[in-house]
Amino acid sequence: MQSLESLNPTVSRMDVVQAVWHTLRSHLENEKARIYEAISHYPTPIAGCDQQFNYLLEEQTRIRHELERLDRASHESLTVEDAIQRIDEFLGSSSSLDAETERTIRSYLQEGLSQIQR
């Protein structure tokens, strides 16, 4: 995530919001890559009998749905206020973000917006 100190003084509120969307996408893409890596190195399972492998397949589907949901939310955001609300909703409902990641992203958004308002 880009540090707030490195933000250009001419950065707009929408730039901060876009940076948050980008951070969320990067986190989900990294999770997707981790799951893909686990699946690709998994020993050959017995079809339908390997719970861990089936779990990885479910995780792969879940993260794909999260990315689709993120894309829809980010593209439907017409104003900064609307985008902030959609980010808040996404953070609150995502099953792919742990509590620490959610807090970090919320804090980044809040700090970035408050620096611009000064």
C-alpha atoms as a PDB file:
ATOM      1  CA  MET A   1       0.000   0.000   0.000  1.00  0.00           C
ATOM      2  CA  GLN A   2       1.332   3.436  -0.893  1.00  0.00           C
ATOM      3  CA  SER A   3       2.359   5.393   2.206  1.00  0.00           C
ATOM      4  CA  LEU A   4       0.373   8.483   2.983  1.00  0.00           C
ATOM      5  CA  GLU A   5       3.552  10.524   3.229  1.00  0.00           C
ATOM      6  CA  SER A   6       4.314   9.777  -0.405  1.00  0.00           C
ATOM      7  CA  LEU A   7       0.946  11.043  -1.638  1.00  0.00           C
ATOM      8  CA  ASN A   8       1.331  13.959  -3.985  1.00  0.00           C
ATOM      9  CA  PRO A   9      -0.144  17.157  -2.491  1.00  0.00           C
ATOM     10  CA  THR A  10      -2.425  17.435  -5.525  1.00  0.00           C
ATOM     11  CA  VAL A  11      -3.988  14.041  -4.871  1.00  0.00           C
ATOM     12  CA  SER A  12      -7.764  14.101  -4.884  1.00  0.00           C
ATOM     13  CA  ARG A  13     -10.225  12.206  -2.713  1.00  0.00           C
ATOM     14  CA  MET A  14     -10.972   9.986  -5.717  1.00  0.00           C
ATOM     15  CA  ASP A  15      -7.245   9.182  -6.019  1.00  0.00           C
ATOM     16  CA  VAL A  16      -7.293   7.910  -2.433  1.00  0.00           C
ATOM     17  CA  VAL A  17     -10.425   5.867  -3.140  1.00  0.00           C
ATOM     18  CA  GLN A  18      -8.840   4.406  -6.283  1.00  0.00           C
ATOM     19  CA  ALA A  19      -5.732   3.499  -4.276  1.00  0.00           C
ATOM     20  CA  VAL A  20      -7.950   1.624  -1.806  1.00  0.00           C
ATOM     21  CA  TRP A  21      -9.729  -0.257  -4.630  1.00  0.00           C
ATOM     22  CA  HIS A  22      -6.282  -1.141  -6.013  1.00  0.00           C
ATOM     23  CA  THR A  23      -5.111  -2.347  -2.587  1.00  0.00           C
ATOM     24  CA  LEU A  24      -8.191  -4.525  -2.197  1.00  0.00           C
ATOM     25  CA  ARG A  25      -7.705  -5.983  -5.692  1.00  0.00           C
ATOM     26  CA  SER A  26      -4.011  -6.681  -4.987  1.00  0.00           C
ATOM     27  CA  HIS A  27      -4.865  -8.460  -1.749  1.00  0.00           C
ATOM     28  CA  LEU A  28      -7.466 -10.648  -3.471  1.00  0.00           C
ATOM     29  CA  GLU A  29      -5.164 -11.363  -6.435  1.00  0.00           C
ATOM     30  CA  ASN A  30      -2.398 -12.434  -4.019  1.00  0.00           C
ATOM     31  CA  GLU A  31      -4.851 -14.727  -2.237  1.00  0.00           C
ATOM     32  CA  LYS A  32      -5.951 -16.140  -5.597  1.00  0.00           C
ATOM     33  CA  ALA A  33      -2.307 -16.840  -6.538  1.00  0.00           C
ATOM     34  CA  ARG A  34      -1.664 -18.511  -3.164  1.00  0.00           C
ATOM     35  CA  ILE A  35      -4.665 -20.816  -3.635  1.00  0.00           C
ATOM     36  CA  TYR A  36      -3.697 -21.603  -7.240  1.00  0.00           C
ATOM     37  CA  GLU A  37      -0.171 -22.454  -6.082  1.00  0.00           C
ATOM     38  CA  ALA A  38      -1.511 -24.766  -3.368  1.00  0.00           C
ATOM     39  CA  ILE A  39      -3.771 -26.535  -5.866  1.00  0.00           C
ATOM     40  CA  SER A  40      -1.050 -26.898  -8.493  1.00  0.00           C
ATOM     41  CA  HIS A  41       1.347 -28.516  -5.996  1.00  0.00           C
ATOM     42  CA  TYR A  42      -1.252 -30.687  -4.323  1.00  0.00           C
ATOM     43  CA  PRO A  43      -0.665 -34.438  -4.574  1.00  0.00           C
ATOM     44  CA  THR A  44      -3.085 -36.217  -6.872  1.00  0.00           C
ATOM     45  CA  PRO A  45      -6.304 -36.493  -4.880  1.00  0.00           C
ATOM     46  CA  ILE A  46      -8.800 -39.296  -4.857  1.00  0.00           C
ATOM     47  CA  ALA A  47     -11.781 -37.764  -6.646  1.00  0.00           C
ATOM     48  CA  GLY A  48     -14.467 -36.617  -4.233  1.00  0.00           C
ATOM     49  CA  CYS A  49     -12.693 -38.067  -1.187  1.00  0.00           C
ATOM     50  CA  ASP A  50     -10.005 -35.505  -0.423  1.00  0.00           C
ATOM     51  CA  GLN A  51     -11.505 -32.852   1.848  1.00  0.00           C
ATOM     52  CA  GLN A  52      -8.463 -30.539   1.792  1.00  0.00           C
ATOM     53  CA  PHE A  53      -8.364 -30.510  -2.011  1.00  0.00           C
ATOM     54  CA  ASN A  54     -12.111 -29.884  -2.193  1.00  0.00           C
ATOM     55  CA  TYR A  55     -11.658 -27.046   0.297  1.00  0.00           C
ATOM     56  CA  LEU A  56      -8.994 -25.472  -1.935  1.00  0.00           C
ATOM     57  CA  LEU A  57     -11.347 -25.694  -4.916  1.00  0.00           C
ATOM     58  CA  GLU A  58     -14.087 -23.988  -2.864  1.00  0.00           C
ATOM     59  CA  GLU A  59     -11.615 -21.283  -1.843  1.00  0.00           C
ATOM     60  CA  GLN A  60     -10.672 -20.763  -5.483  1.00  0.00           C
ATOM     61  CA  THR A  61     -14.341 -20.254  -6.391  1.00  0.00           C
ATOM     62  CA  ARG A  62     -14.911 -17.966  -3.395  1.00  0.00           C
ATOM     63  CA  ILE A  63     -11.984 -15.698  -4.272  1.00  0.00           C
ATOM     64  CA  ARG A  64     -13.105 -15.508  -7.901  1.00  0.00           C
ATOM     65  CA  HIS A  65     -16.545 -14.365  -6.728  1.00  0.00           C
ATOM     66  CA  GLU A  66     -14.952 -11.811  -4.404  1.00  0.00           C
ATOM     67  CA  LEU A  67     -12.946 -10.366  -7.310  1.00  0.00           C
ATOM     68  CA  GLU A  68     -16.079 -10.163  -9.461  1.00  0.00           C
ATOM     69  CA  ARG A  69     -17.934  -8.427  -6.628  1.00  0.00           C
ATOM     70  CA  LEU A  70     -15.046  -6.005  -6.157  1.00  0.00           C
ATOM     71  CA  ASP A  71     -15.035  -5.169  -9.867  1.00  0.00           C
ATOM     72  CA  ARG A  72     -18.774  -4.491  -9.858  1.00  0.00           C
ATOM     73  CA  ALA A  73     -18.582  -2.310  -6.756  1.00  0.00           C
ATOM     74  CA  SER A  74     -15.617  -0.289  -7.993  1.00  0.00           C
ATOM     75  CA  HIS A  75     -17.129   0.299 -11.433  1.00  0.00           C
ATOM     76  CA  GLU A  76     -20.547   1.249 -10.073  1.00  0.00           C
ATOM     77  CA  SER A  77     -19.109   3.947  -7.814  1.00  0.00           C
ATOM     78  CA  LEU A  78     -20.003   7.257  -9.431  1.00  0.00           C
ATOM     79  CA  THR A  79     -19.009   9.695  -6.691  1.00  0.00           C
ATOM     80  CA  VAL A  80     -16.387   9.684  -3.947  1.00  0.00           C
ATOM     81  CA  GLU A  81     -19.079   9.334  -1.287  1.00  0.00           C
ATOM     82  CA  ASP A  82     -20.661   6.438  -3.150  1.00  0.00           C
ATOM     83  CA  ALA A  83     -17.269   4.763  -3.534  1.00  0.00           C
ATOM     84  CA  ILE A  84     -16.504   5.166   0.173  1.00  0.00           C
ATOM     85  CA  GLN A  85     -19.849   3.570   1.024  1.00  0.00           C
ATOM     86  CA  ARG A  86     -19.214   0.671  -1.376  1.00  0.00           C
ATOM     87  CA  ILE A  87     -15.722   0.148   0.061  1.00  0.00           C
ATOM     88  CA  ASP A  88     -17.208   0.083   3.557  1.00  0.00           C
ATOM     89  CA  GLU A  89     -19.843  -2.451   2.460  1.00  0.00           C
ATOM     90  CA  PHE A  90     -17.245  -4.590   0.698  1.00  0.00           C
ATOM     91  CA  LEU A  91     -14.937  -4.583   3.709  1.00  0.00           C
ATOM     92  CA  GLY A  92     -17.791  -5.500   6.026  1.00  0.00           C
ATOM     93  CA  SER A  93     -19.010  -8.394   3.923  1.00  0.00           C
ATOM     94  CA  SER A  94     -15.833  -9.876   2.463  1.00  0.00           C
ATOM     95  CA  SER A  95     -14.965 -13.380   3.563  1.00  0.00           C
ATOM     96  CA  SER A  96     -11.474 -13.013   2.094  1.00  0.00           C
ATOM     97  CA  LEU A  97     -10.153 -10.296   4.374  1.00  0.00           C
ATOM     98  CA  ASP A  98      -8.928 -10.919   7.868  1.00  0.00           C
ATOM     99  CA  ALA A  99      -9.673  -8.383  10.599  1.00  0.00           C
ATOM    100  CA  GLU A 100      -6.183  -6.865  10.473  1.00  0.00           C
ATOM    101  CA  THR A 101      -6.310  -6.292   6.707  1.00  0.00           C
ATOM    102  CA  GLU A 102      -9.764  -4.733   7.024  1.00  0.00           C
ATOM    103  CA  ARG A 103      -8.551  -2.379   9.808  1.00  0.00           C
ATOM    104  CA  THR A 104      -5.464  -1.418   7.797  1.00  0.00           C
ATOM    105  CA  ILE A 105      -7.488  -0.571   4.689  1.00  0.00           C
ATOM    106  CA  ARG A 106     -10.087   1.396   6.671  1.00  0.00           C
ATOM    107  CA  SER A 107      -7.325   3.318   8.420  1.00  0.00           C
ATOM    108  CA  TYR A 108      -5.550   4.048   5.135  1.00  0.00           C
ATOM    109  CA  LEU A 109      -8.763   5.366   3.611  1.00  0.00           C
ATOM    110  CA  GLN A 110      -9.583   7.509   6.645  1.00  0.00           C
ATOM    111  CA  GLU A 111      -6.072   8.950   6.927  1.00  0.00           C
ATOM    112  CA  GLY A 112      -5.786   9.614   3.212  1.00  0.00           C
ATOM    113  CA  LEU A 113      -9.111  11.426   3.073  1.00  0.00           C
ATOM    114  CA  SER A 114      -8.395  13.451   6.221  1.00  0.00           C
ATOM    115  CA  GLN A 115      -5.032  14.631   4.843  1.00  0.00           C
ATOM    116  CA  ILE A 116      -6.714  15.890   1.691  1.00  0.00           C
ATOM    117  CA  GLN A 117      -9.357  17.766   3.660  1.00  0.00           C
ATOM    118  CA  ARG A 118      -6.701  19.774   5.518  1.00  0.00           C
END
